Amino acid sequence: RAALALAQGDQVLRAAERLGRVLLAGGKHAEALGLVAQALAGATRPDPSVDVRTHRYVKALETLRDELGGKP
């Protein structure tokens, strides 16, 4: 939670994915799904041709959302 609170830019996505996995492991499915949905909704997605790690972080969140049974 502290990492997410202090994160900036695409690090918010990375921290949200990690916290989402921790919440899921702790049995907090609804909280994890809400966190992932919020992070994806606020994500700025650069053009796919731009070589940045943001694409990897968004993909990790989308994978977690799918594991949680969330809607795309």
PDB file of N, CA and C in Angstrom:
ATOM      1  N   ARG A   1       0.828  -1.201   0.000  1.00  0.00           N
ATOM      2  CA  ARG A   1       0.000   0.000   0.000  1.00  0.00           C
ATOM      3  C   ARG A   1       0.863   1.251   0.000  1.00  0.00           C
ATOM      4  N   ALA A   2       1.970   1.194   0.725  1.00  0.00           N
ATOM      5  CA  ALA A   2       2.863   2.351   0.772  1.00  0.00           C
ATOM      6  C   ALA A   2       3.474   2.615  -0.601  1.00  0.00           C
ATOM      7  N   ALA A   3       3.866   1.563  -1.301  1.00  0.00           N
ATOM      8  CA  ALA A   3       4.439   1.731  -2.642  1.00  0.00           C
ATOM      9  C   ALA A   3       3.428   2.374  -3.576  1.00  0.00           C
ATOM     10  N   LEU A   4       2.190   1.959  -3.490  1.00  0.00           N
ATOM     11  CA  LEU A   4       1.146   2.529  -4.339  1.00  0.00           C
ATOM     12  C   LEU A   4       0.905   3.996  -3.983  1.00  0.00           C
ATOM     13  N   ALA A   5       0.930   4.298  -2.713  1.00  0.00           N
ATOM     14  CA  ALA A   5       0.695   5.674  -2.273  1.00  0.00           C
ATOM     15  C   ALA A   5       1.796   6.621  -2.741  1.00  0.00           C
ATOM     16  N   LEU A   6       3.017   6.113  -2.867  1.00  0.00           N
ATOM     17  CA  LEU A   6       4.146   6.951  -3.252  1.00  0.00           C
ATOM     18  C   LEU A   6       4.478   6.889  -4.740  1.00  0.00           C
ATOM     19  N   ALA A   7       3.855   5.969  -5.454  1.00  0.00           N
ATOM     20  CA  ALA A   7       4.188   5.744  -6.867  1.00  0.00           C
ATOM     21  C   ALA A   7       3.759   6.911  -7.743  1.00  0.00           C
ATOM     22  N   GLN A   8       4.504   7.067  -8.833  1.00  0.00           N
ATOM     23  CA  GLN A   8       4.193   8.089  -9.831  1.00  0.00           C
ATOM     24  C   GLN A   8       4.300   7.461 -11.212  1.00  0.00           C
ATOM     25  N   GLY A   9       3.575   7.999 -12.162  1.00  0.00           N
ATOM     26  CA  GLY A   9       3.663   7.516 -13.529  1.00  0.00           C
ATOM     27  C   GLY A   9       3.283   6.053 -13.655  1.00  0.00           C
ATOM     28  N   ASP A  10       4.026   5.331 -14.489  1.00  0.00           N
ATOM     29  CA  ASP A  10       3.678   3.931 -14.723  1.00  0.00           C
ATOM     30  C   ASP A  10       3.999   3.030 -13.529  1.00  0.00           C
ATOM     31  N   GLN A  11       4.724   3.558 -12.550  1.00  0.00           N
ATOM     32  CA  GLN A  11       4.980   2.774 -11.340  1.00  0.00           C
ATOM     33  C   GLN A  11       3.693   2.537 -10.545  1.00  0.00           C
ATOM     34  N   VAL A  12       2.689   3.381 -10.758  1.00  0.00           N
ATOM     35  CA  VAL A  12       1.377   3.166 -10.142  1.00  0.00           C
ATOM     36  C   VAL A  12       0.804   1.842 -10.638  1.00  0.00           C
ATOM     37  N   LEU A  13       0.969   1.576 -11.925  1.00  0.00           N
ATOM     38  CA  LEU A  13       0.452   0.337 -12.507  1.00  0.00           C
ATOM     39  C   LEU A  13       1.161  -0.877 -11.906  1.00  0.00           C
ATOM     40  N   ARG A  14       2.457  -0.776 -11.785  1.00  0.00           N
ATOM     41  CA  ARG A  14       3.244  -1.878 -11.234  1.00  0.00           C
ATOM     42  C   ARG A  14       2.869  -2.143  -9.784  1.00  0.00           C
ATOM     43  N   ALA A  15       2.760  -1.088  -8.994  1.00  0.00           N
ATOM     44  CA  ALA A  15       2.396  -1.239  -7.586  1.00  0.00           C
ATOM     45  C   ALA A  15       0.978  -1.775  -7.430  1.00  0.00           C
ATOM     46  N   ALA A  16       0.063  -1.335  -8.289  1.00  0.00           N
ATOM     47  CA  ALA A  16      -1.325  -1.807  -8.222  1.00  0.00           C
ATOM     48  C   ALA A  16      -1.409  -3.292  -8.540  1.00  0.00           C
ATOM     49  N   GLU A  17      -0.628  -3.739  -9.506  1.00  0.00           N
ATOM     50  CA  GLU A  17      -0.648  -5.167  -9.859  1.00  0.00           C
ATOM     51  C   GLU A  17      -0.122  -6.005  -8.703  1.00  0.00           C
ATOM     52  N   ARG A  18       0.951  -5.564  -8.091  1.00  0.00           N
ATOM     53  CA  ARG A  18       1.512  -6.316  -6.960  1.00  0.00           C
ATOM     54  C   ARG A  18       0.559  -6.335  -5.767  1.00  0.00           C
ATOM     55  N   LEU A  19      -0.025  -5.181  -5.448  1.00  0.00           N
ATOM     56  CA  LEU A  19      -0.973  -5.130  -4.340  1.00  0.00           C
ATOM     57  C   LEU A  19      -2.202  -5.965  -4.664  1.00  0.00           C
ATOM     58  N   GLY A  20      -2.646  -5.932  -5.898  1.00  0.00           N
ATOM     59  CA  GLY A  20      -3.793  -6.751  -6.305  1.00  0.00           C
ATOM     60  C   GLY A  20      -3.538  -8.230  -6.079  1.00  0.00           C
ATOM     61  N   ARG A  21      -2.341  -8.674  -6.387  1.00  0.00           N
ATOM     62  CA  ARG A  21      -1.993 -10.090  -6.172  1.00  0.00           C
ATOM     63  C   ARG A  21      -1.934 -10.423  -4.678  1.00  0.00           C
ATOM     64  N   VAL A  22      -1.439  -9.492  -3.877  1.00  0.00           N
ATOM     65  CA  VAL A  22      -1.404  -9.700  -2.424  1.00  0.00           C
ATOM     66  C   VAL A  22      -2.830  -9.784  -1.883  1.00  0.00           C
ATOM     67  N   LEU A  23      -3.686  -8.883  -2.329  1.00  0.00           N
ATOM     68  CA  LEU A  23      -5.079  -8.905  -1.872  1.00  0.00           C
ATOM     69  C   LEU A  23      -5.775 -10.201  -2.275  1.00  0.00           C
ATOM     70  N   LEU A  24      -5.528 -10.647  -3.499  1.00  0.00           N
ATOM     71  CA  LEU A  24      -6.119 -11.898  -3.961  1.00  0.00           C
ATOM     72  C   LEU A  24      -5.649 -13.066  -3.100  1.00  0.00           C
ATOM     73  N   ALA A  25      -4.359 -13.111  -2.815  1.00  0.00           N
ATOM     74  CA  ALA A  25      -3.813 -14.177  -1.974  1.00  0.00           C
ATOM     75  C   ALA A  25      -4.397 -14.130  -0.558  1.00  0.00           C
ATOM     76  N   GLY A  26      -4.774 -12.940  -0.118  1.00  0.00           N
ATOM     77  CA  GLY A  26      -5.370 -12.774   1.199  1.00  0.00           C
ATOM     78  C   GLY A  26      -6.880 -12.964   1.217  1.00  0.00           C
ATOM     79  N   GLY A  27      -7.434 -13.372   0.083  1.00  0.00           N
ATOM     80  CA  GLY A  27      -8.869 -13.636   0.016  1.00  0.00           C
ATOM     81  C   GLY A  27      -9.727 -12.402  -0.193  1.00  0.00           C
ATOM     82  N   LYS A  28      -9.117 -11.300  -0.572  1.00  0.00           N
ATOM     83  CA  LYS A  28      -9.869 -10.053  -0.763  1.00  0.00           C
ATOM     84  C   LYS A  28     -10.098  -9.817  -2.254  1.00  0.00           C
ATOM     85  N   HIS A  29     -10.850 -10.717  -2.847  1.00  0.00           N
ATOM     86  CA  HIS A  29     -11.110 -10.722  -4.285  1.00  0.00           C
ATOM     87  C   HIS A  29     -11.744  -9.422  -4.761  1.00  0.00           C
ATOM     88  N   ALA A  30     -12.790  -8.987  -4.101  1.00  0.00           N
ATOM     89  CA  ALA A  30     -13.506  -7.772  -4.532  1.00  0.00           C
ATOM     90  C   ALA A  30     -12.608  -6.537  -4.443  1.00  0.00           C
ATOM     91  N   GLU A  31     -11.829  -6.443  -3.391  1.00  0.00           N
ATOM     92  CA  GLU A  31     -10.930  -5.303  -3.236  1.00  0.00           C
ATOM     93  C   GLU A  31      -9.851  -5.323  -4.322  1.00  0.00           C
ATOM     94  N   ALA A  32      -9.335  -6.502  -4.612  1.00  0.00           N
ATOM     95  CA  ALA A  32      -8.327  -6.644  -5.668  1.00  0.00           C
ATOM     96  C   ALA A  32      -8.896  -6.241  -7.015  1.00  0.00           C
ATOM     97  N   LEU A  33     -10.099  -6.701  -7.315  1.00  0.00           N
ATOM     98  CA  LEU A  33     -10.725  -6.376  -8.595  1.00  0.00           C
ATOM     99  C   LEU A  33     -10.989  -4.876  -8.707  1.00  0.00           C
ATOM    100  N   GLY A  34     -11.433  -4.255  -7.638  1.00  0.00           N
ATOM    101  CA  GLY A  34     -11.666  -2.810  -7.643  1.00  0.00           C
ATOM    102  C   GLY A  34     -10.377  -2.026  -7.857  1.00  0.00           C
ATOM    103  N   LEU A  35      -9.313  -2.460  -7.217  1.00  0.00           N
ATOM    104  CA  LEU A  35      -8.015  -1.807  -7.368  1.00  0.00           C
ATOM    105  C   LEU A  35      -7.514  -1.912  -8.805  1.00  0.00           C
ATOM    106  N   VAL A  36      -7.617  -3.098  -9.375  1.00  0.00           N
ATOM    107  CA  VAL A  36      -7.168  -3.320 -10.749  1.00  0.00           C
ATOM    108  C   VAL A  36      -8.002  -2.488 -11.725  1.00  0.00           C
ATOM    109  N   ALA A  37      -9.303  -2.487 -11.542  1.00  0.00           N
ATOM    110  CA  ALA A  37     -10.173  -1.708 -12.427  1.00  0.00           C
ATOM    111  C   ALA A  37      -9.844  -0.218 -12.357  1.00  0.00           C
ATOM    112  N   GLN A  38      -9.606   0.275 -11.163  1.00  0.00           N
ATOM    113  CA  GLN A  38      -9.272   1.691 -10.985  1.00  0.00           C
ATOM    114  C   GLN A  38      -7.932   2.021 -11.645  1.00  0.00           C
ATOM    115  N   ALA A  39      -6.945   1.154 -11.467  1.00  0.00           N
ATOM    116  CA  ALA A  39      -5.622   1.397 -12.051  1.00  0.00           C
ATOM    117  C   ALA A  39      -5.699   1.380 -13.578  1.00  0.00           C
ATOM    118  N   LEU A  40      -6.442   0.438 -14.137  1.00  0.00           N
ATOM    119  CA  LEU A  40      -6.569   0.366 -15.592  1.00  0.00           C
ATOM    120  C   LEU A  40      -7.338   1.562 -16.144  1.00  0.00           C
ATOM    121  N   ALA A  41      -8.337   2.010 -15.413  1.00  0.00           N
ATOM    122  CA  ALA A  41      -9.125   3.158 -15.869  1.00  0.00           C
ATOM    123  C   ALA A  41      -8.274   4.426 -15.912  1.00  0.00           C
ATOM    124  N   GLY A  42      -7.320   4.546 -15.009  1.00  0.00           N
ATOM    125  CA  GLY A  42      -6.485   5.734 -14.952  1.00  0.00           C
ATOM    126  C   GLY A  42      -5.190   5.621 -15.750  1.00  0.00           C
ATOM    127  N   ALA A  43      -4.984   4.472 -16.391  1.00  0.00           N
ATOM    128  CA  ALA A  43      -3.727   4.237 -17.099  1.00  0.00           C
ATOM    129  C   ALA A  43      -3.651   5.035 -18.395  1.00  0.00           C
ATOM    130  N   THR A  44      -2.525   5.685 -18.581  1.00  0.00           N
ATOM    131  CA  THR A  44      -2.231   6.348 -19.844  1.00  0.00           C
ATOM    132  C   THR A  44      -1.481   5.344 -20.690  1.00  0.00           C
ATOM    133  N   ARG A  45      -2.041   5.035 -21.849  1.00  0.00           N
ATOM    134  CA  ARG A  45      -1.433   4.020 -22.711  1.00  0.00           C
ATOM    135  C   ARG A  45      -0.708   4.676 -23.883  1.00  0.00           C
ATOM    136  N   PRO A  46       0.621   4.619 -23.876  1.00  0.00           N
ATOM    137  CA  PRO A  46       1.368   5.183 -24.995  1.00  0.00           C
ATOM    138  C   PRO A  46       1.122   4.380 -26.268  1.00  0.00           C
ATOM    139  N   ASP A  47       1.449   4.964 -27.393  1.00  0.00           N
ATOM    140  CA  ASP A  47       1.336   4.272 -28.672  1.00  0.00           C
ATOM    141  C   ASP A  47       2.127   2.962 -28.606  1.00  0.00           C
ATOM    142  N   PRO A  48       1.579   1.879 -29.163  1.00  0.00           N
ATOM    143  CA  PRO A  48       2.270   0.585 -29.119  1.00  0.00           C
ATOM    144  C   PRO A  48       3.669   0.594 -29.741  1.00  0.00           C
ATOM    145  N   SER A  49       3.929   1.537 -30.620  1.00  0.00           N
ATOM    146  CA  SER A  49       5.246   1.591 -31.257  1.00  0.00           C
ATOM    147  C   SER A  49       6.322   2.177 -30.342  1.00  0.00           C
ATOM    148  N   VAL A  50       5.911   2.790 -29.240  1.00  0.00           N
ATOM    149  CA  VAL A  50       6.858   3.389 -28.306  1.00  0.00           C
ATOM    150  C   VAL A  50       7.377   2.294 -27.363  1.00  0.00           C
ATOM    151  N   ASP A  51       8.681   2.200 -27.238  1.00  0.00           N
ATOM    152  CA  ASP A  51       9.309   1.162 -26.420  1.00  0.00           C
ATOM    153  C   ASP A  51       9.428   1.637 -24.967  1.00  0.00           C
ATOM    154  N   VAL A  52       8.371   1.365 -24.186  1.00  0.00           N
ATOM    155  CA  VAL A  52       8.343   1.730 -22.770  1.00  0.00           C
ATOM    156  C   VAL A  52       7.787   0.561 -21.965  1.00  0.00           C
ATOM    157  N   ARG A  53       8.104   0.535 -20.688  1.00  0.00           N
ATOM    158  CA  ARG A  53       7.658  -0.562 -19.827  1.00  0.00           C
ATOM    159  C   ARG A  53       6.168  -0.480 -19.487  1.00  0.00           C
ATOM    160  N   THR A  54       5.555   0.661 -19.761  1.00  0.00           N
ATOM    161  CA  THR A  54       4.136   0.835 -19.451  1.00  0.00           C
ATOM    162  C   THR A  54       3.292  -0.273 -20.076  1.00  0.00           C
ATOM    163  N   HIS A  55       3.630  -0.674 -21.284  1.00  0.00           N
ATOM    164  CA  HIS A  55       2.869  -1.736 -21.964  1.00  0.00           C
ATOM    165  C   HIS A  55       2.895  -3.031 -21.141  1.00  0.00           C
ATOM    166  N   ARG A  56       4.056  -3.353 -20.585  1.00  0.00           N
ATOM    167  CA  ARG A  56       4.197  -4.569 -19.777  1.00  0.00           C
ATOM    168  C   ARG A  56       3.351  -4.471 -18.503  1.00  0.00           C
ATOM    169  N   TYR A  57       3.340  -3.308 -17.879  1.00  0.00           N
ATOM    170  CA  TYR A  57       2.575  -3.131 -16.647  1.00  0.00           C
ATOM    171  C   TYR A  57       1.065  -3.193 -16.904  1.00  0.00           C
ATOM    172  N   VAL A  58       0.623  -2.594 -17.997  1.00  0.00           N
ATOM    173  CA  VAL A  58      -0.803  -2.662 -18.351  1.00  0.00           C
ATOM    174  C   VAL A  58      -1.193  -4.106 -18.635  1.00  0.00           C
ATOM    175  N   LYS A  59      -0.354  -4.831 -19.365  1.00  0.00           N
ATOM    176  CA  LYS A  59      -0.636  -6.236 -19.679  1.00  0.00           C
ATOM    177  C   LYS A  59      -0.740  -7.060 -18.396  1.00  0.00           C
ATOM    178  N   ALA A  60       0.143  -6.819 -17.435  1.00  0.00           N
ATOM    179  CA  ALA A  60       0.097  -7.555 -16.162  1.00  0.00           C
ATOM    180  C   ALA A  60      -1.210  -7.274 -15.421  1.00  0.00           C
ATOM    181  N   LEU A  61      -1.654  -6.021 -15.443  1.00  0.00           N
ATOM    182  CA  LEU A  61      -2.933  -5.682 -14.801  1.00  0.00           C
ATOM    183  C   LEU A  61      -4.100  -6.326 -15.539  1.00  0.00           C
ATOM    184  N   GLU A  62      -4.057  -6.332 -16.853  1.00  0.00           N
ATOM    185  CA  GLU A  62      -5.132  -6.966 -17.632  1.00  0.00           C
ATOM    186  C   GLU A  62      -5.175  -8.468 -17.369  1.00  0.00           C
ATOM    187  N   THR A  63      -4.018  -9.081 -17.230  1.00  0.00           N
ATOM    188  CA  THR A  63      -3.963 -10.511 -16.921  1.00  0.00           C
ATOM    189  C   THR A  63      -4.572 -10.779 -15.550  1.00  0.00           C
ATOM    190  N   LEU A  64      -4.230  -9.953 -14.575  1.00  0.00           N
ATOM    191  CA  LEU A  64      -4.796 -10.114 -13.238  1.00  0.00           C
ATOM    192  C   LEU A  64      -6.304  -9.886 -13.263  1.00  0.00           C
ATOM    193  N   ARG A  65      -6.743  -8.859 -13.989  1.00  0.00           N
ATOM    194  CA  ARG A  65      -8.188  -8.613 -14.112  1.00  0.00           C
ATOM    195  C   ARG A  65      -8.898  -9.840 -14.670  1.00  0.00           C
ATOM    196  N   ASP A  66      -8.316 -10.457 -15.684  1.00  0.00           N
ATOM    197  CA  ASP A  66      -8.910 -11.661 -16.282  1.00  0.00           C
ATOM    198  C   ASP A  66      -8.929 -12.819 -15.283  1.00  0.00           C
ATOM    199  N   GLU A  67      -7.867 -12.961 -14.501  1.00  0.00           N
ATOM    200  CA  GLU A  67      -7.818 -14.005 -13.477  1.00  0.00           C
ATOM    201  C   GLU A  67      -8.897 -13.786 -12.415  1.00  0.00           C
ATOM    202  N   LEU A  68      -9.185 -12.511 -12.156  1.00  0.00           N
ATOM    203  CA  LEU A  68     -10.203 -12.174 -11.159  1.00  0.00           C
ATOM    204  C   LEU A  68     -11.618 -12.255 -11.729  1.00  0.00           C
ATOM    205  N   GLY A  69     -11.719 -12.443 -13.032  1.00  0.00           N
ATOM    206  CA  GLY A  69     -13.035 -12.549 -13.664  1.00  0.00           C
ATOM    207  C   GLY A  69     -13.660 -11.211 -13.975  1.00  0.00           C
ATOM    208  N   GLY A  70     -12.831 -10.161 -14.046  1.00  0.00           N
ATOM    209  CA  GLY A  70     -13.331  -8.825 -14.354  1.00  0.00           C
ATOM    210  C   GLY A  70     -13.598  -8.652 -15.839  1.00  0.00           C
ATOM    211  N   LYS A  71     -14.331  -7.611 -16.157  1.00  0.00           N
ATOM    212  CA  LYS A  71     -14.668  -7.334 -17.548  1.00  0.00           C
ATOM    213  C   LYS A  71     -13.601  -6.445 -18.181  1.00  0.00           C
ATOM    214  N   PRO A  72     -13.291  -6.702 -19.449  1.00  0.00           N
ATOM    215  CA  PRO A  72     -12.320  -5.843 -20.148  1.00  0.00           C
ATOM    216  C   PRO A  72     -12.843  -4.441 -20.358  1.00  0.00           C
TER     217      PRO A  72
END
